[in-house]
Amino acid sequence: MISAVFLVAPHVVAIERVEEAPEFLDREGVTFSLRGGPRQPRPTDRVWDCIAVYAPDELSEEEFQHLYEANKPTVPELNLHY
């Protein structure tokens, strides 16, 4: 399984388990594009699924980076090492 992390807005994230990580996914009327992964995190004190990060497709790379950094403090999946 893959943990798909959907970066919706600053401090708004949804995480769903999916079997595949396609390049584009529609979720609640918004098209999300795959921005990272899926990748298997290095072992920690728990077992992690592969992680895939999605963001709204209309965001530029710079806007995506800002959204990623805004959500990083509260989303453990964004702080894993690969």
C-alpha atoms as a PDB file:
ATOM      1  CA  MET A   1       0.000   0.000   0.000  1.00  0.00           C
ATOM      2  CA  ILE A   2       0.929   3.626  -0.479  1.00  0.00           C
ATOM      3  CA  SER A   3       0.152   6.520   1.850  1.00  0.00           C
ATOM      4  CA  ALA A   4      -0.945   9.343  -0.438  1.00  0.00           C
ATOM      5  CA  VAL A   5      -0.427  12.726   1.237  1.00  0.00           C
ATOM      6  CA  PHE A   6      -2.688  15.383  -0.292  1.00  0.00           C
ATOM      7  CA  LEU A   7      -1.454  18.912   0.422  1.00  0.00           C
ATOM      8  CA  VAL A   8      -4.682  20.877   0.129  1.00  0.00           C
ATOM      9  CA  ALA A   9      -3.743  24.199   1.736  1.00  0.00           C
ATOM     10  CA  PRO A  10      -1.480  25.433   4.545  1.00  0.00           C
ATOM     11  CA  HIS A  11      -2.350  23.282   7.559  1.00  0.00           C
ATOM     12  CA  VAL A  12      -4.903  21.285   5.535  1.00  0.00           C
ATOM     13  CA  VAL A  13      -3.727  17.789   4.610  1.00  0.00           C
ATOM     14  CA  ALA A  14      -5.507  14.541   3.849  1.00  0.00           C
ATOM     15  CA  ILE A  15      -3.805  11.156   3.925  1.00  0.00           C
ATOM     16  CA  GLU A  16      -5.328   8.149   2.198  1.00  0.00           C
ATOM     17  CA  ARG A  17      -4.048   4.644   1.594  1.00  0.00           C
ATOM     18  CA  VAL A  18      -4.071   3.752  -2.096  1.00  0.00           C
ATOM     19  CA  GLU A  19      -2.831   0.793  -4.108  1.00  0.00           C
ATOM     20  CA  GLU A  20      -1.315   2.862  -6.928  1.00  0.00           C
ATOM     21  CA  ALA A  21       0.076   6.380  -7.257  1.00  0.00           C
ATOM     22  CA  PRO A  22      -0.918   7.661 -10.691  1.00  0.00           C
ATOM     23  CA  GLU A  23       0.405  10.958 -12.006  1.00  0.00           C
ATOM     24  CA  PHE A  24      -3.003  12.635 -11.531  1.00  0.00           C
ATOM     25  CA  LEU A  25      -5.863  12.006  -9.095  1.00  0.00           C
ATOM     26  CA  ASP A  26      -9.183  13.806  -8.838  1.00  0.00           C
ATOM     27  CA  ARG A  27     -10.319  14.380  -5.284  1.00  0.00           C
ATOM     28  CA  GLU A  28     -13.407  16.383  -4.327  1.00  0.00           C
ATOM     29  CA  GLY A  29     -13.442  18.201  -7.674  1.00  0.00           C
ATOM     30  CA  VAL A  30      -9.744  19.147  -7.581  1.00  0.00           C
ATOM     31  CA  THR A  31      -7.075  17.592  -9.807  1.00  0.00           C
ATOM     32  CA  PHE A  32      -3.973  16.697  -7.803  1.00  0.00           C
ATOM     33  CA  SER A  33      -0.655  15.882  -9.425  1.00  0.00           C
ATOM     34  CA  LEU A  34       2.017  13.612  -8.042  1.00  0.00           C
ATOM     35  CA  ARG A  35       4.867  15.804  -6.749  1.00  0.00           C
ATOM     36  CA  GLY A  36       6.981  13.176  -5.000  1.00  0.00           C
ATOM     37  CA  GLY A  37       7.291   9.436  -4.659  1.00  0.00           C
ATOM     38  CA  PRO A  38       6.121   6.924  -4.045  1.00  0.00           C
ATOM     39  CA  ARG A  39       9.205   6.189  -1.993  1.00  0.00           C
ATOM     40  CA  GLN A  40       9.880   3.817   0.865  1.00  0.00           C
ATOM     41  CA  PRO A  41      11.065   5.650   4.006  1.00  0.00           C
ATOM     42  CA  ARG A  42      14.072   4.415   5.941  1.00  0.00           C
ATOM     43  CA  PRO A  43      13.167   2.311   8.991  1.00  0.00           C
ATOM     44  CA  THR A  44      12.136   4.168  12.142  1.00  0.00           C
ATOM     45  CA  ASP A  45      10.400   3.058  15.319  1.00  0.00           C
ATOM     46  CA  ARG A  46       7.382   2.048  13.205  1.00  0.00           C
ATOM     47  CA  VAL A  47       6.677   0.508   9.826  1.00  0.00           C
ATOM     48  CA  TRP A  48       5.762   3.020   7.107  1.00  0.00           C
ATOM     49  CA  ASP A  49       4.013   2.459   3.808  1.00  0.00           C
ATOM     50  CA  CYS A  50       5.581   4.007   0.730  1.00  0.00           C
ATOM     51  CA  ILE A  51       4.817   7.730   0.658  1.00  0.00           C
ATOM     52  CA  ALA A  52       3.478   9.692  -2.325  1.00  0.00           C
ATOM     53  CA  VAL A  53       2.924  13.447  -2.115  1.00  0.00           C
ATOM     54  CA  TYR A  54       0.209  15.174  -4.132  1.00  0.00           C
ATOM     55  CA  ALA A  55      -0.689  18.853  -4.516  1.00  0.00           C
ATOM     56  CA  PRO A  56      -3.239  20.719  -6.631  1.00  0.00           C
ATOM     57  CA  ASP A  57      -2.091  20.544 -10.247  1.00  0.00           C
ATOM     58  CA  GLU A  58      -2.449  24.290 -10.838  1.00  0.00           C
ATOM     59  CA  LEU A  59       0.280  25.117  -8.299  1.00  0.00           C
ATOM     60  CA  SER A  60       3.691  26.113  -9.580  1.00  0.00           C
ATOM     61  CA  GLU A  61       6.764  24.377  -8.182  1.00  0.00           C
ATOM     62  CA  GLU A  62       7.434  27.392  -5.953  1.00  0.00           C
ATOM     63  CA  GLU A  63       3.861  27.387  -4.619  1.00  0.00           C
ATOM     64  CA  PHE A  64       4.128  23.644  -3.992  1.00  0.00           C
ATOM     65  CA  GLN A  65       7.370  24.124  -2.024  1.00  0.00           C
ATOM     66  CA  HIS A  66       5.714  26.770   0.177  1.00  0.00           C
ATOM     67  CA  LEU A  67       2.734  24.482   0.794  1.00  0.00           C
ATOM     68  CA  TYR A  68       5.051  21.557   1.594  1.00  0.00           C
ATOM     69  CA  GLU A  69       7.051  23.614   4.099  1.00  0.00           C
ATOM     70  CA  ALA A  70       3.877  25.003   5.712  1.00  0.00           C
ATOM     71  CA  ASN A  71       2.581  21.476   6.352  1.00  0.00           C
ATOM     72  CA  LYS A  72       5.883  19.809   7.232  1.00  0.00           C
ATOM     73  CA  PRO A  73       5.771  20.617  10.999  1.00  0.00           C
ATOM     74  CA  THR A  74       2.480  18.750  11.523  1.00  0.00           C
ATOM     75  CA  VAL A  75       2.692  15.872   9.020  1.00  0.00           C
ATOM     76  CA  PRO A  76       5.114  13.109  10.064  1.00  0.00           C
ATOM     77  CA  GLU A  77       5.174  11.618   6.547  1.00  0.00           C
ATOM     78  CA  LEU A  78       6.805  14.807   5.234  1.00  0.00           C
ATOM     79  CA  ASN A  79       9.694  14.485   7.695  1.00  0.00           C
ATOM     80  CA  LEU A  80      10.831  10.954   6.894  1.00  0.00           C
ATOM     81  CA  HIS A  81      14.240  10.123   5.445  1.00  0.00           C
ATOM     82  CA  TYR A  82      14.563   8.038   2.309  1.00  0.00           C
END
